[in-house]
Amino acid sequence: MDDKTYDTPSDVTAEDGKVMVDGPDAVDVSLTPDAALETSDRLLHGGLKAKGQQIAAERRKPPAG
């Protein structure tokens, strides 16, 4: 696993009862609806946690100037 961090969101489509995710660095997965919903929940929680960490880090920085 590499340490790249991407700022481009993945594309998501639904076809024939499957959810397809096409993302950066050749990410291409097909999920069941249940797996997609659970993944969505995990991504939401992870994204909110990471955003909170970013905000906290910004507040700890000394003012510029």
PDB file of N, CA and C in Angstrom:
ATOM      1  N   MET A   1       0.839  -1.179   0.000  1.00  0.00           N
ATOM      2  CA  MET A   1       0.000   0.000   0.000  1.00  0.00           C
ATOM      3  C   MET A   1       0.884   1.242   0.000  1.00  0.00           C
ATOM      4  N   ASP A   2       0.577   2.170  -0.906  1.00  0.00           N
ATOM      5  CA  ASP A   2       1.377   3.386  -0.962  1.00  0.00           C
ATOM      6  C   ASP A   2       0.796   4.446  -0.030  1.00  0.00           C
ATOM      7  N   ASP A   3       1.508   5.539   0.110  1.00  0.00           N
ATOM      8  CA  ASP A   3       1.090   6.604   1.023  1.00  0.00           C
ATOM      9  C   ASP A   3       0.446   7.776   0.297  1.00  0.00           C
ATOM     10  N   LYS A   4      -0.021   7.571  -0.928  1.00  0.00           N
ATOM     11  CA  LYS A   4      -0.647   8.661  -1.671  1.00  0.00           C
ATOM     12  C   LYS A   4      -1.981   9.021  -1.030  1.00  0.00           C
ATOM     13  N   THR A   5      -2.259  10.308  -1.013  1.00  0.00           N
ATOM     14  CA  THR A   5      -3.548  10.799  -0.563  1.00  0.00           C
ATOM     15  C   THR A   5      -4.174  11.543  -1.729  1.00  0.00           C
ATOM     16  N   TYR A   6      -5.387  11.160  -2.095  1.00  0.00           N
ATOM     17  CA  TYR A   6      -6.041  11.726  -3.268  1.00  0.00           C
ATOM     18  C   TYR A   6      -7.072  12.758  -2.857  1.00  0.00           C
ATOM     19  N   ASP A   7      -7.233  13.790  -3.688  1.00  0.00           N
ATOM     20  CA  ASP A   7      -8.249  14.794  -3.416  1.00  0.00           C
ATOM     21  C   ASP A   7      -9.368  14.766  -4.452  1.00  0.00           C
ATOM     22  N   THR A   8      -9.404  13.708  -5.233  1.00  0.00           N
ATOM     23  CA  THR A   8     -10.438  13.526  -6.242  1.00  0.00           C
ATOM     24  C   THR A   8     -11.416  12.449  -5.760  1.00  0.00           C
ATOM     25  N   PRO A   9     -12.696  12.788  -5.646  1.00  0.00           N
ATOM     26  CA  PRO A   9     -13.656  11.780  -5.204  1.00  0.00           C
ATOM     27  C   PRO A   9     -13.872  10.699  -6.264  1.00  0.00           C
ATOM     28  N   SER A  10     -14.291   9.552  -5.813  1.00  0.00           N
ATOM     29  CA  SER A  10     -14.581   8.438  -6.711  1.00  0.00           C
ATOM     30  C   SER A  10     -15.931   8.640  -7.383  1.00  0.00           C
ATOM     31  N   ASP A  11     -16.084   8.040  -8.564  1.00  0.00           N
ATOM     32  CA  ASP A  11     -17.375   8.004  -9.249  1.00  0.00           C
ATOM     33  C   ASP A  11     -18.112   6.749  -8.803  1.00  0.00           C
ATOM     34  N   VAL A  12     -19.413   6.870  -8.608  1.00  0.00           N
ATOM     35  CA  VAL A  12     -20.222   5.744  -8.152  1.00  0.00           C
ATOM     36  C   VAL A  12     -21.453   5.626  -9.048  1.00  0.00           C
ATOM     37  N   THR A  13     -21.696   4.411  -9.537  1.00  0.00           N
ATOM     38  CA  THR A  13     -22.883   4.144 -10.338  1.00  0.00           C
ATOM     39  C   THR A  13     -23.539   2.860  -9.835  1.00  0.00           C
ATOM     40  N   ALA A  14     -24.801   2.672 -10.185  1.00  0.00           N
ATOM     41  CA  ALA A  14     -25.526   1.451  -9.844  1.00  0.00           C
ATOM     42  C   ALA A  14     -26.072   0.842 -11.128  1.00  0.00           C
ATOM     43  N   GLU A  15     -25.780  -0.437 -11.322  1.00  0.00           N
ATOM     44  CA  GLU A  15     -26.256  -1.155 -12.502  1.00  0.00           C
ATOM     45  C   GLU A  15     -26.533  -2.605 -12.132  1.00  0.00           C
ATOM     46  N   ASP A  16     -27.655  -3.099 -12.577  1.00  0.00           N
ATOM     47  CA  ASP A  16     -28.014  -4.506 -12.387  1.00  0.00           C
ATOM     48  C   ASP A  16     -27.916  -4.955 -10.931  1.00  0.00           C
ATOM     49  N   GLY A  17     -28.302  -4.089 -10.007  1.00  0.00           N
ATOM     50  CA  GLY A  17     -28.294  -4.443  -8.590  1.00  0.00           C
ATOM     51  C   GLY A  17     -26.926  -4.424  -7.941  1.00  0.00           C
ATOM     52  N   LYS A  18     -25.932  -3.853  -8.611  1.00  0.00           N
ATOM     53  CA  LYS A  18     -24.580  -3.732  -8.056  1.00  0.00           C
ATOM     54  C   LYS A  18     -24.184  -2.265  -8.027  1.00  0.00           C
ATOM     55  N   VAL A  19     -23.292  -1.929  -7.127  1.00  0.00           N
ATOM     56  CA  VAL A  19     -22.762  -0.576  -7.037  1.00  0.00           C
ATOM     57  C   VAL A  19     -21.310  -0.620  -7.490  1.00  0.00           C
ATOM     58  N   MET A  20     -20.992   0.182  -8.493  1.00  0.00           N
ATOM     59  CA  MET A  20     -19.637   0.233  -9.014  1.00  0.00           C
ATOM     60  C   MET A  20     -18.959   1.515  -8.564  1.00  0.00           C
ATOM     61  N   VAL A  21     -17.722   1.359  -8.097  1.00  0.00           N
ATOM     62  CA  VAL A  21     -16.917   2.489  -7.656  1.00  0.00           C
ATOM     63  C   VAL A  21     -15.692   2.561  -8.548  1.00  0.00           C
ATOM     64  N   ASP A  22     -15.492   3.708  -9.166  1.00  0.00           N
ATOM     65  CA  ASP A  22     -14.347   3.947 -10.036  1.00  0.00           C
ATOM     66  C   ASP A  22     -13.608   5.151  -9.482  1.00  0.00           C
ATOM     67  N   GLY A  23     -12.410   4.910  -8.968  1.00  0.00           N
ATOM     68  CA  GLY A  23     -11.688   5.985  -8.314  1.00  0.00           C
ATOM     69  C   GLY A  23     -10.280   6.172  -8.829  1.00  0.00           C
ATOM     70  N   PRO A  24      -9.538   7.050  -8.171  1.00  0.00           N
ATOM     71  CA  PRO A  24      -8.168   7.323  -8.582  1.00  0.00           C
ATOM     72  C   PRO A  24      -7.270   6.099  -8.425  1.00  0.00           C
ATOM     73  N   ASP A  25      -6.176   6.109  -9.158  1.00  0.00           N
ATOM     74  CA  ASP A  25      -5.172   5.050  -9.090  1.00  0.00           C
ATOM     75  C   ASP A  25      -5.751   3.687  -9.458  1.00  0.00           C
ATOM     76  N   ALA A  26      -6.643   3.682 -10.440  1.00  0.00           N
ATOM     77  CA  ALA A  26      -7.232   2.464 -11.003  1.00  0.00           C
ATOM     78  C   ALA A  26      -8.123   1.704 -10.023  1.00  0.00           C
ATOM     79  N   VAL A  27      -8.689   2.392  -9.030  1.00  0.00           N
ATOM     80  CA  VAL A  27      -9.658   1.739  -8.147  1.00  0.00           C
ATOM     81  C   VAL A  27     -10.889   1.421  -8.974  1.00  0.00           C
ATOM     82  N   ASP A  28     -11.301   0.175  -8.954  1.00  0.00           N
ATOM     83  CA  ASP A  28     -12.458  -0.265  -9.719  1.00  0.00           C
ATOM     84  C   ASP A  28     -13.060  -1.464  -8.989  1.00  0.00           C
ATOM     85  N   VAL A  29     -14.109  -1.214  -8.198  1.00  0.00           N
ATOM     86  CA  VAL A  29     -14.717  -2.296  -7.436  1.00  0.00           C
ATOM     87  C   VAL A  29     -16.220  -2.336  -7.673  1.00  0.00           C
ATOM     88  N   SER A  30     -16.781  -3.514  -7.501  1.00  0.00           N
ATOM     89  CA  SER A  30     -18.207  -3.735  -7.607  1.00  0.00           C
ATOM     90  C   SER A  30     -18.682  -4.271  -6.261  1.00  0.00           C
ATOM     91  N   LEU A  31     -19.712  -3.632  -5.689  1.00  0.00           N
ATOM     92  CA  LEU A  31     -20.194  -3.997  -4.360  1.00  0.00           C
ATOM     93  C   LEU A  31     -21.671  -4.361  -4.397  1.00  0.00           C
ATOM     94  N   THR A  32     -22.069  -5.215  -3.455  1.00  0.00           N
ATOM     95  CA  THR A  32     -23.492  -5.439  -3.265  1.00  0.00           C
ATOM     96  C   THR A  32     -24.081  -4.173  -2.657  1.00  0.00           C
ATOM     97  N   PRO A  33     -25.396  -4.001  -2.760  1.00  0.00           N
ATOM     98  CA  PRO A  33     -25.993  -2.821  -2.134  1.00  0.00           C
ATOM     99  C   PRO A  33     -25.693  -2.739  -0.628  1.00  0.00           C
ATOM    100  N   ASP A  34     -25.762  -3.858   0.074  1.00  0.00           N
ATOM    101  CA  ASP A  34     -25.477  -3.844   1.512  1.00  0.00           C
ATOM    102  C   ASP A  34     -24.034  -3.450   1.804  1.00  0.00           C
ATOM    103  N   ALA A  35     -23.093  -3.986   1.024  1.00  0.00           N
ATOM    104  CA  ALA A  35     -21.684  -3.639   1.222  1.00  0.00           C
ATOM    105  C   ALA A  35     -21.446  -2.170   0.900  1.00  0.00           C
ATOM    106  N   ALA A  36     -22.128  -1.657  -0.121  1.00  0.00           N
ATOM    107  CA  ALA A  36     -21.983  -0.243  -0.489  1.00  0.00           C
ATOM    108  C   ALA A  36     -22.523   0.659   0.616  1.00  0.00           C
ATOM    109  N   LEU A  37     -23.658   0.298   1.207  1.00  0.00           N
ATOM    110  CA  LEU A  37     -24.229   1.106   2.281  1.00  0.00           C
ATOM    111  C   LEU A  37     -23.321   1.114   3.508  1.00  0.00           C
ATOM    112  N   GLU A  38     -22.774  -0.034   3.871  1.00  0.00           N
ATOM    113  CA  GLU A  38     -21.867  -0.093   5.024  1.00  0.00           C
ATOM    114  C   GLU A  38     -20.584   0.691   4.738  1.00  0.00           C
ATOM    115  N   THR A  39     -20.054   0.568   3.521  1.00  0.00           N
ATOM    116  CA  THR A  39     -18.856   1.310   3.139  1.00  0.00           C
ATOM    117  C   THR A  39     -19.133   2.813   3.195  1.00  0.00           C
ATOM    118  N   SER A  40     -20.298   3.207   2.716  1.00  0.00           N
ATOM    119  CA  SER A  40     -20.691   4.614   2.759  1.00  0.00           C
ATOM    120  C   SER A  40     -20.706   5.131   4.192  1.00  0.00           C
ATOM    121  N   ASP A  41     -21.265   4.357   5.099  1.00  0.00           N
ATOM    122  CA  ASP A  41     -21.319   4.750   6.503  1.00  0.00           C
ATOM    123  C   ASP A  41     -19.910   4.878   7.081  1.00  0.00           C
ATOM    124  N   ARG A  42     -19.051   3.929   6.771  1.00  0.00           N
ATOM    125  CA  ARG A  42     -17.674   3.969   7.269  1.00  0.00           C
ATOM    126  C   ARG A  42     -16.907   5.157   6.700  1.00  0.00           C
ATOM    127  N   LEU A  43     -17.118   5.450   5.410  1.00  0.00           N
ATOM    128  CA  LEU A  43     -16.468   6.605   4.792  1.00  0.00           C
ATOM    129  C   LEU A  43     -16.947   7.908   5.429  1.00  0.00           C
ATOM    130  N   LEU A  44     -18.253   8.004   5.675  1.00  0.00           N
ATOM    131  CA  LEU A  44     -18.798   9.209   6.293  1.00  0.00           C
ATOM    132  C   LEU A  44     -18.183   9.427   7.671  1.00  0.00           C
ATOM    133  N   HIS A  45     -18.152   8.395   8.490  1.00  0.00           N
ATOM    134  CA  HIS A  45     -17.584   8.531   9.830  1.00  0.00           C
ATOM    135  C   HIS A  45     -16.085   8.856   9.770  1.00  0.00           C
ATOM    136  N   GLY A  46     -15.364   8.191   8.885  1.00  0.00           N
ATOM    137  CA  GLY A  46     -13.936   8.469   8.744  1.00  0.00           C
ATOM    138  C   GLY A  46     -13.678   9.879   8.245  1.00  0.00           C
ATOM    139  N   GLY A  47     -14.491  10.323   7.279  1.00  0.00           N
ATOM    140  CA  GLY A  47     -14.339  11.671   6.748  1.00  0.00           C
ATOM    141  C   GLY A  47     -14.621  12.734   7.804  1.00  0.00           C
ATOM    142  N   LEU A  48     -15.667  12.524   8.599  1.00  0.00           N
ATOM    143  CA  LEU A  48     -15.984  13.479   9.664  1.00  0.00           C
ATOM    144  C   LEU A  48     -14.883  13.523  10.715  1.00  0.00           C
ATOM    145  N   LYS A  49     -14.352  12.373  11.068  1.00  0.00           N
ATOM    146  CA  LYS A  49     -13.271  12.321  12.060  1.00  0.00           C
ATOM    147  C   LYS A  49     -12.025  13.040  11.541  1.00  0.00           C
ATOM    148  N   ALA A  50     -11.661  12.765  10.278  1.00  0.00           N
ATOM    149  CA  ALA A  50     -10.476  13.391   9.693  1.00  0.00           C
ATOM    150  C   ALA A  50     -10.660  14.904   9.567  1.00  0.00           C
ATOM    151  N   LYS A  51     -11.870  15.344   9.207  1.00  0.00           N
ATOM    152  CA  LYS A  51     -12.138  16.782   9.096  1.00  0.00           C
ATOM    153  C   LYS A  51     -11.994  17.443  10.463  1.00  0.00           C
ATOM    154  N   GLY A  52     -12.491  16.787  11.507  1.00  0.00           N
ATOM    155  CA  GLY A  52     -12.329  17.304  12.862  1.00  0.00           C
ATOM    156  C   GLY A  52     -10.869  17.418  13.254  1.00  0.00           C
ATOM    157  N   GLN A  53     -10.065  16.431  12.853  1.00  0.00           N
ATOM    158  CA  GLN A  53      -8.631  16.472  13.136  1.00  0.00           C
ATOM    159  C   GLN A  53      -7.971  17.635  12.411  1.00  0.00           C
ATOM    160  N   GLN A  54      -8.380  17.892  11.157  1.00  0.00           N
ATOM    161  CA  GLN A  54      -7.835  19.034  10.408  1.00  0.00           C
ATOM    162  C   GLN A  54      -8.175  20.352  11.106  1.00  0.00           C
ATOM    163  N   ILE A  55      -9.410  20.501  11.534  1.00  0.00           N
ATOM    164  CA  ILE A  55      -9.841  21.728  12.203  1.00  0.00           C
ATOM    165  C   ILE A  55      -9.069  21.924  13.498  1.00  0.00           C
ATOM    166  N   ALA A  56      -8.912  20.857  14.268  1.00  0.00           N
ATOM    167  CA  ALA A  56      -8.172  20.945  15.530  1.00  0.00           C
ATOM    168  C   ALA A  56      -6.716  21.331  15.280  1.00  0.00           C
ATOM    169  N   ALA A  57      -6.108  20.771  14.239  1.00  0.00           N
ATOM    170  CA  ALA A  57      -4.717  21.095  13.921  1.00  0.00           C
ATOM    171  C   ALA A  57      -4.584  22.560  13.515  1.00  0.00           C
ATOM    172  N   GLU A  58      -5.553  23.068  12.752  1.00  0.00           N
ATOM    173  CA  GLU A  58      -5.530  24.477  12.338  1.00  0.00           C
ATOM    174  C   GLU A  58      -5.639  25.398  13.550  1.00  0.00           C
ATOM    175  N   ARG A  59      -6.446  25.023  14.511  1.00  0.00           N
ATOM    176  CA  ARG A  59      -6.625  25.863  15.705  1.00  0.00           C
ATOM    177  C   ARG A  59      -5.403  25.876  16.594  1.00  0.00           C
ATOM    178  N   ARG A  60      -4.581  24.829  16.510  1.00  0.00           N
ATOM    179  CA  ARG A  60      -3.362  24.758  17.318  1.00  0.00           C
ATOM    180  C   ARG A  60      -2.216  25.567  16.730  1.00  0.00           C
ATOM    181  N   LYS A  61      -2.321  25.901  15.439  1.00  0.00           N
ATOM    182  CA  LYS A  61      -1.260  26.666  14.782  1.00  0.00           C
ATOM    183  C   LYS A  61      -1.230  28.093  15.339  1.00  0.00           C
ATOM    184  N   PRO A  62      -0.015  28.611  15.550  1.00  0.00           N
ATOM    185  CA  PRO A  62       0.062  30.007  15.994  1.00  0.00           C
ATOM    186  C   PRO A  62      -0.386  30.935  14.881  1.00  0.00           C
ATOM    187  N   PRO A  63      -0.941  32.085  15.231  1.00  0.00           N
ATOM    188  CA  PRO A  63      -1.373  33.029  14.204  1.00  0.00           C
ATOM    189  C   PRO A  63      -0.211  33.491  13.324  1.00  0.00           C
ATOM    190  N   ALA A  64      -0.498  33.664  12.038  1.00  0.00           N
ATOM    191  CA  ALA A  64       0.529  34.138  11.098  1.00  0.00           C
ATOM    192  C   ALA A  64       0.809  35.614  11.354  1.00  0.00           C
ATOM    193  N   GLY A  65       2.070  35.977  11.136  1.00  0.00           N
ATOM    194  CA  GLY A  65       2.391  37.394  11.252  1.00  0.00           C
ATOM    195  C   GLY A  65       3.374  37.637  12.263  1.00  0.00           C
TER     196      GLY A  65
END
